[in-house]
Every structure is written in structure tokens, then in C-alpha cells.
N, C-alpha and C. Protein backbone atom coordinates (compact mmCIF):
# COMPACT_ATOMS: atom_id res chain seq x y z
N MET A 1 -80.97 23.42 -14.41
CA MET A 1 -81.97 23.16 -13.41
C MET A 1 -81.72 24.06 -12.21
N SER A 2 -82.75 24.66 -11.68
CA SER A 2 -82.69 25.47 -10.48
C SER A 2 -83.08 24.63 -9.28
N VAL A 3 -82.47 24.94 -8.16
CA VAL A 3 -82.76 24.20 -6.95
C VAL A 3 -83.39 25.15 -5.94
N ALA A 4 -84.54 24.76 -5.38
CA ALA A 4 -85.14 25.53 -4.30
C ALA A 4 -84.40 25.16 -3.02
N ILE A 5 -84.02 26.17 -2.25
CA ILE A 5 -83.24 25.93 -1.04
C ILE A 5 -84.09 26.27 0.17
N ASP A 6 -84.30 25.28 1.01
CA ASP A 6 -85.04 25.47 2.25
C ASP A 6 -84.05 25.22 3.39
N HIS A 7 -83.65 26.30 4.06
CA HIS A 7 -82.64 26.18 5.10
C HIS A 7 -82.94 27.19 6.19
N THR A 8 -82.78 26.77 7.43
CA THR A 8 -82.98 27.66 8.56
C THR A 8 -81.67 27.75 9.34
N GLY A 9 -81.35 28.95 9.78
CA GLY A 9 -80.17 29.13 10.61
C GLY A 9 -78.92 29.37 9.82
N PRO A 10 -77.78 29.50 10.51
CA PRO A 10 -76.52 29.76 9.83
C PRO A 10 -76.11 28.57 8.96
N TRP A 11 -75.43 28.88 7.87
CA TRP A 11 -74.93 27.85 6.97
C TRP A 11 -73.56 27.37 7.44
N THR A 12 -73.25 26.11 7.16
CA THR A 12 -71.93 25.53 7.43
C THR A 12 -71.36 25.02 6.12
N VAL A 13 -70.08 24.73 6.13
CA VAL A 13 -69.46 24.15 4.94
C VAL A 13 -70.14 22.84 4.59
N ALA A 14 -70.45 22.03 5.59
CA ALA A 14 -71.13 20.75 5.34
C ALA A 14 -72.49 20.98 4.67
N ASP A 15 -73.22 22.00 5.09
CA ASP A 15 -74.52 22.31 4.47
C ASP A 15 -74.34 22.64 2.99
N VAL A 16 -73.35 23.46 2.68
CA VAL A 16 -73.13 23.87 1.29
C VAL A 16 -72.69 22.68 0.44
N LEU A 17 -71.77 21.89 0.96
CA LEU A 17 -71.30 20.73 0.20
C LEU A 17 -72.39 19.67 0.02
N ALA A 18 -73.41 19.71 0.86
CA ALA A 18 -74.52 18.76 0.74
C ALA A 18 -75.58 19.19 -0.28
N LEU A 19 -75.49 20.43 -0.77
CA LEU A 19 -76.45 20.89 -1.77
C LEU A 19 -76.29 20.05 -3.04
N PRO A 20 -77.40 19.80 -3.76
CA PRO A 20 -77.28 19.03 -4.99
C PRO A 20 -76.44 19.77 -6.03
N GLU A 21 -75.72 19.01 -6.84
CA GLU A 21 -74.92 19.63 -7.90
C GLU A 21 -75.85 20.36 -8.86
N ASP A 22 -75.47 21.58 -9.19
CA ASP A 22 -76.29 22.41 -10.07
C ASP A 22 -75.35 23.19 -10.96
N ARG A 23 -75.25 22.85 -12.22
CA ARG A 23 -74.29 23.48 -13.13
C ARG A 23 -74.69 24.90 -13.53
N THR A 24 -75.84 25.36 -13.10
CA THR A 24 -76.27 26.72 -13.43
C THR A 24 -75.97 27.70 -12.31
N THR A 25 -75.47 27.19 -11.18
CA THR A 25 -75.27 28.04 -10.00
C THR A 25 -73.97 27.69 -9.30
N ARG A 26 -73.31 28.71 -8.77
CA ARG A 26 -72.10 28.52 -7.96
C ARG A 26 -72.45 28.92 -6.53
N TYR A 27 -72.21 28.02 -5.58
CA TYR A 27 -72.50 28.26 -4.17
C TYR A 27 -71.20 28.50 -3.42
N GLU A 28 -71.18 29.57 -2.61
CA GLU A 28 -70.03 29.86 -1.77
C GLU A 28 -70.53 30.20 -0.37
N LEU A 29 -69.68 30.03 0.62
CA LEU A 29 -70.02 30.32 2.00
C LEU A 29 -69.03 31.34 2.55
N VAL A 30 -69.54 32.48 2.94
CA VAL A 30 -68.71 33.53 3.53
C VAL A 30 -69.26 33.77 4.93
N GLY A 31 -68.42 33.45 5.92
CA GLY A 31 -68.92 33.47 7.29
C GLY A 31 -69.98 32.39 7.41
N GLU A 32 -71.16 32.79 7.74
CA GLU A 32 -72.29 31.85 7.82
C GLU A 32 -73.35 32.15 6.78
N SER A 33 -72.98 32.92 5.77
CA SER A 33 -73.92 33.33 4.73
C SER A 33 -73.66 32.60 3.41
N LEU A 34 -74.71 32.11 2.82
CA LEU A 34 -74.63 31.45 1.53
C LEU A 34 -74.65 32.52 0.44
N VAL A 35 -73.68 32.46 -0.47
CA VAL A 35 -73.60 33.39 -1.60
C VAL A 35 -73.85 32.57 -2.86
N ILE A 36 -74.81 33.01 -3.66
CA ILE A 36 -75.19 32.28 -4.86
C ILE A 36 -74.91 33.15 -6.08
N SER A 37 -74.18 32.58 -7.05
CA SER A 37 -73.85 33.29 -8.28
C SER A 37 -74.26 32.44 -9.47
N PRO A 38 -74.70 33.08 -10.54
CA PRO A 38 -75.02 32.31 -11.75
C PRO A 38 -73.73 31.81 -12.41
N THR A 39 -73.85 30.79 -13.24
CA THR A 39 -72.67 30.33 -13.97
C THR A 39 -72.21 31.44 -14.91
N THR A 40 -71.00 31.31 -15.35
CA THR A 40 -70.37 32.34 -16.16
C THR A 40 -70.73 32.21 -17.63
N GLY A 41 -70.49 33.28 -18.37
CA GLY A 41 -70.78 33.30 -19.80
C GLY A 41 -69.67 32.68 -20.63
N ILE A 42 -69.89 32.66 -21.93
CA ILE A 42 -68.96 32.01 -22.86
C ILE A 42 -67.58 32.66 -22.84
N ARG A 43 -67.51 34.00 -22.89
CA ARG A 43 -66.21 34.68 -22.88
C ARG A 43 -65.41 34.28 -21.65
N HIS A 44 -66.07 34.27 -20.52
CA HIS A 44 -65.44 33.91 -19.25
C HIS A 44 -64.95 32.46 -19.28
N GLN A 45 -65.80 31.55 -19.74
CA GLN A 45 -65.43 30.13 -19.79
C GLN A 45 -64.30 29.88 -20.77
N ARG A 46 -64.34 30.56 -21.91
CA ARG A 46 -63.28 30.42 -22.92
C ARG A 46 -61.94 30.86 -22.32
N ALA A 47 -61.92 32.02 -21.68
CA ALA A 47 -60.68 32.54 -21.09
C ALA A 47 -60.19 31.64 -19.96
N SER A 48 -61.10 31.13 -19.15
CA SER A 48 -60.72 30.25 -18.05
C SER A 48 -60.06 28.97 -18.57
N LEU A 49 -60.67 28.36 -19.57
CA LEU A 49 -60.12 27.13 -20.14
C LEU A 49 -58.74 27.40 -20.75
N ARG A 50 -58.61 28.47 -21.52
CA ARG A 50 -57.33 28.77 -22.17
C ARG A 50 -56.23 29.08 -21.16
N LEU A 51 -56.59 29.85 -20.14
CA LEU A 51 -55.60 30.17 -19.11
C LEU A 51 -55.21 28.90 -18.34
N ALA A 52 -56.17 28.03 -18.06
CA ALA A 52 -55.87 26.76 -17.39
C ALA A 52 -54.92 25.92 -18.24
N MET A 53 -55.14 25.90 -19.55
CA MET A 53 -54.28 25.13 -20.44
C MET A 53 -52.85 25.70 -20.46
N ILE A 54 -52.74 27.02 -20.49
CA ILE A 54 -51.42 27.67 -20.46
C ILE A 54 -50.70 27.34 -19.16
N LEU A 55 -51.41 27.46 -18.04
CA LEU A 55 -50.80 27.17 -16.74
C LEU A 55 -50.40 25.71 -16.63
N HIS A 56 -51.26 24.82 -17.10
CA HIS A 56 -50.96 23.38 -17.04
C HIS A 56 -49.69 23.08 -17.83
N ALA A 57 -49.60 23.60 -19.06
CA ALA A 57 -48.43 23.35 -19.91
C ALA A 57 -47.16 23.92 -19.26
N ALA A 58 -47.26 25.12 -18.68
CA ALA A 58 -46.10 25.74 -18.04
C ALA A 58 -45.67 24.95 -16.80
N ALA A 59 -46.63 24.48 -16.03
CA ALA A 59 -46.31 23.68 -14.83
C ALA A 59 -45.64 22.37 -15.24
N GLN A 60 -46.15 21.76 -16.30
CA GLN A 60 -45.55 20.51 -16.80
C GLN A 60 -44.11 20.76 -17.27
N ALA A 61 -43.91 21.83 -18.02
CA ALA A 61 -42.58 22.17 -18.53
C ALA A 61 -41.59 22.43 -17.40
N ALA A 62 -42.09 23.03 -16.32
CA ALA A 62 -41.23 23.34 -15.16
C ALA A 62 -41.12 22.17 -14.20
N LYS A 63 -41.83 21.09 -14.51
CA LYS A 63 -41.89 19.93 -13.61
C LYS A 63 -42.33 20.34 -12.20
N ALA A 64 -43.24 21.30 -12.14
CA ALA A 64 -43.77 21.78 -10.85
C ALA A 64 -44.77 20.76 -10.32
N PRO A 65 -44.67 20.37 -9.07
CA PRO A 65 -45.59 19.39 -8.49
C PRO A 65 -46.92 20.03 -8.09
N VAL A 66 -47.67 20.47 -9.12
CA VAL A 66 -48.93 21.17 -8.89
C VAL A 66 -50.02 20.60 -9.78
N GLU A 67 -51.24 21.02 -9.50
CA GLU A 67 -52.37 20.70 -10.35
C GLU A 67 -53.16 21.99 -10.58
N VAL A 68 -53.63 22.18 -11.81
CA VAL A 68 -54.42 23.35 -12.17
C VAL A 68 -55.87 22.90 -12.26
N LEU A 69 -56.75 23.57 -11.51
CA LEU A 69 -58.16 23.19 -11.45
C LEU A 69 -59.04 24.40 -11.75
N GLU A 70 -60.18 24.14 -12.39
CA GLU A 70 -61.17 25.18 -12.64
C GLU A 70 -62.34 25.02 -11.67
N ALA A 71 -62.77 26.12 -11.08
CA ALA A 71 -63.98 26.20 -10.27
C ALA A 71 -64.10 25.08 -9.24
N ILE A 72 -63.06 24.90 -8.44
CA ILE A 72 -63.07 23.91 -7.37
C ILE A 72 -63.36 24.62 -6.04
N ASN A 73 -64.04 23.94 -5.14
CA ASN A 73 -64.29 24.47 -3.81
C ASN A 73 -62.97 24.60 -3.06
N VAL A 74 -62.73 25.76 -2.46
CA VAL A 74 -61.55 25.97 -1.63
C VAL A 74 -62.03 26.30 -0.22
N LEU A 75 -61.57 25.50 0.75
CA LEU A 75 -61.94 25.72 2.14
C LEU A 75 -61.01 26.75 2.76
N LEU A 76 -61.61 27.85 3.21
CA LEU A 76 -60.87 28.94 3.85
C LEU A 76 -61.21 28.95 5.33
N PRO A 77 -60.43 29.64 6.15
CA PRO A 77 -60.80 29.77 7.56
C PRO A 77 -62.18 30.42 7.73
N SER A 78 -62.57 31.28 6.78
CA SER A 78 -63.83 32.00 6.90
C SER A 78 -64.95 31.42 6.04
N GLY A 79 -64.77 30.21 5.48
CA GLY A 79 -65.84 29.62 4.70
C GLY A 79 -65.36 28.80 3.53
N LEU A 80 -66.11 28.89 2.45
CA LEU A 80 -65.84 28.10 1.25
C LEU A 80 -66.08 28.98 0.04
N VAL A 81 -65.09 29.05 -0.85
CA VAL A 81 -65.23 29.86 -2.06
C VAL A 81 -64.90 29.00 -3.28
N VAL A 82 -65.28 29.51 -4.44
CA VAL A 82 -65.03 28.80 -5.69
C VAL A 82 -64.31 29.78 -6.64
N PRO A 83 -62.97 29.83 -6.57
CA PRO A 83 -62.24 30.68 -7.50
C PRO A 83 -62.39 30.14 -8.92
N ASP A 84 -62.18 30.99 -9.91
CA ASP A 84 -62.27 30.54 -11.29
C ASP A 84 -61.19 29.53 -11.62
N LEU A 85 -59.96 29.78 -11.17
CA LEU A 85 -58.85 28.86 -11.36
C LEU A 85 -58.05 28.77 -10.08
N VAL A 86 -57.49 27.58 -9.85
CA VAL A 86 -56.69 27.34 -8.67
C VAL A 86 -55.48 26.51 -9.07
N VAL A 87 -54.32 26.86 -8.54
CA VAL A 87 -53.14 26.01 -8.66
C VAL A 87 -52.85 25.49 -7.27
N THR A 88 -52.91 24.15 -7.13
CA THR A 88 -52.71 23.52 -5.84
C THR A 88 -51.44 22.70 -5.84
N ASP A 89 -50.92 22.43 -4.65
CA ASP A 89 -49.87 21.43 -4.50
C ASP A 89 -50.47 20.11 -4.97
N ALA A 90 -49.67 19.28 -5.63
CA ALA A 90 -50.17 18.01 -6.15
C ALA A 90 -50.78 17.15 -5.04
N GLY A 91 -50.22 17.17 -3.85
CA GLY A 91 -50.74 16.37 -2.75
C GLY A 91 -52.09 16.84 -2.23
N ALA A 92 -52.44 18.09 -2.48
CA ALA A 92 -53.71 18.64 -1.97
C ALA A 92 -54.93 18.03 -2.64
N THR A 93 -54.73 17.38 -3.78
CA THR A 93 -55.85 16.80 -4.52
C THR A 93 -55.81 15.27 -4.53
N ALA A 94 -54.97 14.69 -3.70
CA ALA A 94 -54.77 13.24 -3.70
C ALA A 94 -56.03 12.44 -3.41
N ASP A 95 -56.93 12.98 -2.60
CA ASP A 95 -58.12 12.20 -2.23
C ASP A 95 -59.27 12.34 -3.23
N ASP A 96 -59.07 13.13 -4.30
CA ASP A 96 -60.12 13.32 -5.32
C ASP A 96 -61.46 13.74 -4.73
N GLY A 97 -61.42 14.61 -3.74
CA GLY A 97 -62.65 15.09 -3.11
C GLY A 97 -63.31 16.20 -3.91
N VAL A 98 -64.20 16.93 -3.27
CA VAL A 98 -64.91 18.02 -3.92
C VAL A 98 -64.37 19.38 -3.51
N SER A 99 -63.34 19.37 -2.66
CA SER A 99 -62.76 20.64 -2.21
C SER A 99 -61.29 20.44 -1.88
N VAL A 100 -60.58 21.57 -1.79
CA VAL A 100 -59.18 21.57 -1.35
C VAL A 100 -59.05 22.58 -0.21
N ASP A 101 -58.13 22.30 0.68
CA ASP A 101 -57.86 23.23 1.78
C ASP A 101 -56.97 24.36 1.29
N ALA A 102 -57.20 25.56 1.79
CA ALA A 102 -56.44 26.74 1.37
C ALA A 102 -54.95 26.55 1.56
N GLU A 103 -54.53 25.80 2.59
CA GLU A 103 -53.09 25.65 2.81
C GLU A 103 -52.39 24.89 1.69
N GLY A 104 -53.13 24.16 0.86
CA GLY A 104 -52.54 23.47 -0.29
C GLY A 104 -52.61 24.27 -1.57
N VAL A 105 -53.12 25.51 -1.50
CA VAL A 105 -53.30 26.34 -2.69
C VAL A 105 -52.14 27.32 -2.82
N GLN A 106 -51.54 27.35 -4.01
CA GLN A 106 -50.44 28.28 -4.27
C GLN A 106 -50.92 29.57 -4.95
N LEU A 107 -51.94 29.42 -5.82
CA LEU A 107 -52.40 30.55 -6.63
C LEU A 107 -53.90 30.45 -6.84
N VAL A 108 -54.59 31.58 -6.70
CA VAL A 108 -56.01 31.66 -7.07
C VAL A 108 -56.13 32.74 -8.14
N ILE A 109 -57.03 32.49 -9.10
CA ILE A 109 -57.25 33.44 -10.18
C ILE A 109 -58.74 33.70 -10.30
N GLU A 110 -59.10 34.97 -10.32
CA GLU A 110 -60.48 35.37 -10.55
C GLU A 110 -60.56 36.06 -11.90
N LEU A 111 -61.54 35.68 -12.70
CA LEU A 111 -61.84 36.34 -13.95
C LEU A 111 -63.01 37.26 -13.66
N VAL A 112 -62.82 38.55 -13.79
CA VAL A 112 -63.81 39.52 -13.34
C VAL A 112 -65.06 39.46 -14.20
N SER A 113 -66.16 39.15 -13.55
CA SER A 113 -67.47 39.06 -14.20
C SER A 113 -68.22 40.37 -13.98
N PRO A 114 -69.05 40.77 -14.95
CA PRO A 114 -69.79 42.02 -14.79
C PRO A 114 -70.60 42.10 -13.50
N GLY A 115 -71.19 41.00 -13.09
CA GLY A 115 -72.01 41.02 -11.88
C GLY A 115 -71.25 40.84 -10.59
N ASN A 116 -69.95 40.54 -10.68
CA ASN A 116 -69.16 40.26 -9.48
C ASN A 116 -67.90 41.11 -9.36
N ARG A 117 -67.89 42.27 -10.00
CA ARG A 117 -66.66 43.08 -10.03
C ARG A 117 -66.11 43.38 -8.64
N THR A 118 -66.95 43.86 -7.75
CA THR A 118 -66.49 44.23 -6.41
C THR A 118 -66.02 43.00 -5.65
N VAL A 119 -66.73 41.92 -5.76
CA VAL A 119 -66.35 40.68 -5.08
C VAL A 119 -65.00 40.19 -5.60
N ASP A 120 -64.83 40.16 -6.93
CA ASP A 120 -63.59 39.66 -7.54
C ASP A 120 -62.40 40.58 -7.30
N ARG A 121 -62.63 41.88 -7.23
CA ARG A 121 -61.54 42.84 -7.08
C ARG A 121 -61.17 43.13 -5.63
N LYS A 122 -62.15 43.12 -4.76
CA LYS A 122 -61.91 43.57 -3.38
C LYS A 122 -62.12 42.46 -2.33
N PHE A 123 -63.30 41.87 -2.36
CA PHE A 123 -63.69 40.98 -1.26
C PHE A 123 -62.94 39.64 -1.27
N LYS A 124 -62.94 38.96 -2.42
CA LYS A 124 -62.26 37.67 -2.47
C LYS A 124 -60.76 37.78 -2.23
N PRO A 125 -60.07 38.78 -2.80
CA PRO A 125 -58.64 38.89 -2.47
C PRO A 125 -58.39 39.03 -0.97
N MET A 126 -59.26 39.72 -0.28
CA MET A 126 -59.12 39.86 1.16
C MET A 126 -59.23 38.49 1.85
N LEU A 127 -60.19 37.67 1.41
CA LEU A 127 -60.36 36.33 1.98
C LEU A 127 -59.16 35.44 1.66
N TYR A 128 -58.64 35.54 0.43
CA TYR A 128 -57.49 34.73 0.04
C TYR A 128 -56.25 35.14 0.83
N ALA A 129 -56.07 36.43 1.04
CA ALA A 129 -54.92 36.91 1.82
C ALA A 129 -55.04 36.44 3.26
N GLU A 130 -56.23 36.51 3.80
CA GLU A 130 -56.47 36.04 5.17
C GLU A 130 -56.11 34.56 5.30
N ALA A 131 -56.31 33.78 4.23
CA ALA A 131 -56.00 32.35 4.22
C ALA A 131 -54.54 32.08 3.87
N ALA A 132 -53.74 33.14 3.65
CA ALA A 132 -52.31 33.06 3.35
C ALA A 132 -52.00 32.32 2.05
N ILE A 133 -52.85 32.50 1.03
CA ILE A 133 -52.57 31.93 -0.29
C ILE A 133 -51.52 32.84 -0.93
N PRO A 134 -50.37 32.29 -1.33
CA PRO A 134 -49.23 33.11 -1.75
C PRO A 134 -49.46 34.04 -2.95
N TYR A 135 -50.26 33.59 -3.95
CA TYR A 135 -50.43 34.40 -5.15
C TYR A 135 -51.89 34.55 -5.53
N PHE A 136 -52.23 35.75 -6.02
CA PHE A 136 -53.57 36.05 -6.51
C PHE A 136 -53.43 36.78 -7.83
N TRP A 137 -54.13 36.26 -8.85
CA TRP A 137 -54.17 36.92 -10.15
C TRP A 137 -55.61 37.28 -10.46
N ARG A 138 -55.78 38.37 -11.18
CA ARG A 138 -57.13 38.81 -11.58
C ARG A 138 -57.10 39.15 -13.06
N LEU A 139 -57.98 38.50 -13.83
CA LEU A 139 -58.09 38.78 -15.26
C LEU A 139 -59.24 39.74 -15.48
N GLU A 140 -58.91 40.93 -15.97
CA GLU A 140 -59.91 41.94 -16.34
C GLU A 140 -60.18 41.79 -17.84
N PHE A 141 -61.43 41.95 -18.25
CA PHE A 141 -61.78 41.84 -19.66
C PHE A 141 -61.93 43.19 -20.35
N ASP A 142 -62.39 44.20 -19.60
CA ASP A 142 -62.72 45.48 -20.21
C ASP A 142 -61.85 46.61 -19.64
N PRO A 143 -61.40 47.52 -20.46
CA PRO A 143 -61.69 47.72 -21.88
C PRO A 143 -60.92 46.76 -22.79
N ALA A 144 -59.80 46.20 -22.31
CA ALA A 144 -59.05 45.18 -23.04
C ALA A 144 -58.54 44.18 -22.02
N PRO A 145 -58.32 42.93 -22.42
CA PRO A 145 -57.85 41.94 -21.44
C PRO A 145 -56.54 42.37 -20.77
N MET A 146 -56.51 42.21 -19.45
CA MET A 146 -55.32 42.55 -18.66
C MET A 146 -55.28 41.60 -17.47
N LEU A 147 -54.11 41.04 -17.23
CA LEU A 147 -53.92 40.14 -16.10
C LEU A 147 -53.13 40.88 -15.02
N VAL A 148 -53.74 41.05 -13.85
CA VAL A 148 -53.10 41.71 -12.72
C VAL A 148 -52.53 40.61 -11.83
N VAL A 149 -51.22 40.66 -11.58
CA VAL A 149 -50.50 39.62 -10.85
C VAL A 149 -50.08 40.17 -9.49
N CYS A 150 -50.52 39.49 -8.43
CA CYS A 150 -50.23 39.95 -7.06
C CYS A 150 -49.58 38.84 -6.25
N ALA A 151 -48.74 39.25 -5.30
CA ALA A 151 -48.10 38.33 -4.36
C ALA A 151 -48.43 38.78 -2.95
N LEU A 152 -48.53 37.82 -2.05
CA LEU A 152 -48.85 38.11 -0.65
C LEU A 152 -47.62 38.66 0.07
N GLU A 153 -47.79 39.81 0.69
CA GLU A 153 -46.74 40.44 1.49
C GLU A 153 -47.35 41.03 2.73
N SER A 154 -46.85 40.63 3.88
CA SER A 154 -47.33 41.15 5.16
C SER A 154 -48.85 41.08 5.28
N GLY A 155 -49.42 39.96 4.82
CA GLY A 155 -50.85 39.74 5.00
C GLY A 155 -51.76 40.39 3.98
N ARG A 156 -51.19 41.01 2.93
CA ARG A 156 -52.04 41.60 1.89
C ARG A 156 -51.37 41.42 0.54
N TYR A 157 -52.18 41.51 -0.51
CA TYR A 157 -51.63 41.34 -1.86
C TYR A 157 -51.06 42.64 -2.39
N VAL A 158 -49.89 42.52 -2.99
CA VAL A 158 -49.20 43.65 -3.59
C VAL A 158 -49.06 43.34 -5.08
N GLU A 159 -49.46 44.29 -5.91
CA GLU A 159 -49.37 44.09 -7.35
C GLU A 159 -47.91 44.01 -7.78
N ARG A 160 -47.58 42.95 -8.52
CA ARG A 160 -46.22 42.71 -8.99
C ARG A 160 -46.07 42.97 -10.48
N ALA A 161 -47.16 42.76 -11.24
CA ALA A 161 -47.10 42.96 -12.69
C ALA A 161 -48.51 43.11 -13.22
N ALA A 162 -48.58 43.68 -14.41
CA ALA A 162 -49.84 43.74 -15.14
C ALA A 162 -49.52 43.31 -16.57
N ALA A 163 -50.06 42.15 -16.95
CA ALA A 163 -49.85 41.64 -18.30
C ALA A 163 -50.91 42.27 -19.19
N LEU A 164 -50.48 43.06 -20.15
CA LEU A 164 -51.40 43.79 -21.02
C LEU A 164 -51.63 43.03 -22.32
N ALA A 165 -52.82 43.20 -22.89
CA ALA A 165 -53.16 42.55 -24.15
C ALA A 165 -52.21 42.99 -25.25
N GLY A 166 -51.76 42.01 -26.03
CA GLY A 166 -50.88 42.31 -27.15
C GLY A 166 -49.41 42.21 -26.82
N ALA A 167 -49.08 41.96 -25.56
CA ALA A 167 -47.68 41.82 -25.15
C ALA A 167 -47.55 40.57 -24.28
N THR A 168 -46.57 39.76 -24.58
CA THR A 168 -46.34 38.56 -23.76
C THR A 168 -45.56 38.96 -22.52
N THR A 169 -46.09 38.59 -21.37
CA THR A 169 -45.46 38.87 -20.09
C THR A 169 -44.94 37.57 -19.52
N CYS A 170 -43.69 37.56 -19.08
CA CYS A 170 -43.09 36.37 -18.49
C CYS A 170 -43.13 36.51 -16.97
N LEU A 171 -43.73 35.53 -16.34
CA LEU A 171 -43.85 35.51 -14.88
C LEU A 171 -43.05 34.32 -14.35
N ASP A 172 -42.57 34.42 -13.12
CA ASP A 172 -41.79 33.30 -12.60
C ASP A 172 -42.37 32.66 -11.35
N SER A 173 -43.50 33.11 -10.89
CA SER A 173 -44.09 32.50 -9.70
C SER A 173 -45.57 32.22 -9.93
N PRO A 174 -46.08 31.09 -9.53
CA PRO A 174 -45.41 30.04 -8.76
C PRO A 174 -44.51 29.12 -9.58
N PHE A 175 -44.48 29.29 -10.90
CA PHE A 175 -43.55 28.61 -11.81
C PHE A 175 -43.48 29.48 -13.06
N PRO A 176 -42.45 29.33 -13.88
CA PRO A 176 -42.33 30.18 -15.06
C PRO A 176 -43.48 29.97 -16.05
N VAL A 177 -44.04 31.09 -16.50
CA VAL A 177 -45.13 31.04 -17.49
C VAL A 177 -45.13 32.35 -18.29
N ALA A 178 -45.43 32.24 -19.58
CA ALA A 178 -45.53 33.42 -20.44
C ALA A 178 -46.98 33.56 -20.89
N ILE A 179 -47.54 34.76 -20.74
CA ILE A 179 -48.95 34.98 -21.03
C ILE A 179 -49.15 36.28 -21.79
N ASP A 180 -49.98 36.20 -22.82
CA ASP A 180 -50.51 37.38 -23.49
C ASP A 180 -52.02 37.31 -23.33
N PRO A 181 -52.62 38.16 -22.51
CA PRO A 181 -54.06 38.09 -22.25
C PRO A 181 -54.93 38.32 -23.48
N ALA A 182 -54.38 38.86 -24.57
CA ALA A 182 -55.18 39.19 -25.74
C ALA A 182 -55.92 37.99 -26.31
N GLY A 183 -55.29 36.84 -26.33
CA GLY A 183 -55.91 35.68 -26.96
C GLY A 183 -56.77 34.83 -26.05
N LEU A 184 -56.88 35.20 -24.78
CA LEU A 184 -57.61 34.35 -23.84
C LEU A 184 -59.12 34.28 -24.10
N SER A 185 -59.72 35.40 -24.46
CA SER A 185 -61.18 35.39 -24.59
C SER A 185 -61.68 35.57 -26.02
N ARG A 186 -60.77 35.76 -26.95
CA ARG A 186 -61.12 35.95 -28.35
C ARG A 186 -61.68 34.66 -28.94
N GLN A 187 -62.70 34.77 -29.79
CA GLN A 187 -63.25 33.57 -30.43
C GLN A 187 -62.32 33.09 -31.52
């Protein structure tokens, strides 16, 4: 279902959160501008679910006090975004709301979509760094699946590893996890 939006003036987080739920559209707020994206395709959803399952299992094995969430609203100093995956402190989700504050987020992951390449590669990492989220990962699909792993240093993300398809990469932050991107999006 599509929703017609009638709004005048700058958008606020409260305005965006008051929009009716629409599973065909993702709403984000950058500054005072509403950003609307279509829902993701099957390959993207398959990879997101599988990566969430891997992260959840690894967090459980490490007894890390975190929660892994897909497509949850994250409140940033500059607005509201919806990363593909988020790892939060367990306490950040205690109220079972519709959003989490950036200060409770340990890791954000973007799965690069054809229509959002620049946003996923450049713009969102800048917003996440500004919000001091410690880790940012980016899953690229083409030409072959690759997971780019970054850590926040001096206010910007620095690439720490690249997990290539066909090879298991062991990461230790924010908790130990082993990932081979090859199987994430394969049917």
C-alpha cells in the first residue's frame, strides 16, 4: 500500500514516526528532509536475514549483552535513519519502542542497494560517524559479495578488513564472529 503524504514545513522525528506503517516504503529523516526509499529486493532481504542470524548466534556464543535488529529506526543527532542491520546494547531496546538512540548502537550494517549506492557508501557512514557509532560494516553484492568492516577512529571510519566471498573471515569486534559473504545472498 502506498501512502499519500501531505506535509508542510520542515519534518521532525515525531512527524516521521507518526506516519502510518507502510511495508513498501522506508522513511528516514536527514536534517529536516524526509527521505523515502522503496523496500528492498529478495537478494537483499535474504542476505540481511542470514547475516542477522550469524550475528545473533555469534553474540549468543560470546554472551555479549546485545540485540541484533533488522531495519529499526535509529535516532541520530541529525535525524532518523533505518540501517539494514543494527547491533544495540541490550538495554537500548528495553522499552520495546519503534526506535533506538544512536548512543546505544554498537554496529550498523548497510547492504548496498543498486538505487542507494552513494547513500550507503558515503552519506550514511558520515552520519553514523557523526553519531559516534563505534562500528560500520557495508555488504557489497557486485561483482561478488564482500563485507567491508570499519571502525571509528578520530571521528571517521577506517577500513579494518574486507571479508571476501569464498573465504571465512574472523572478526573480533564488537564480538567474535566468522563470516563468509559468499553464502549470504545465494538461493
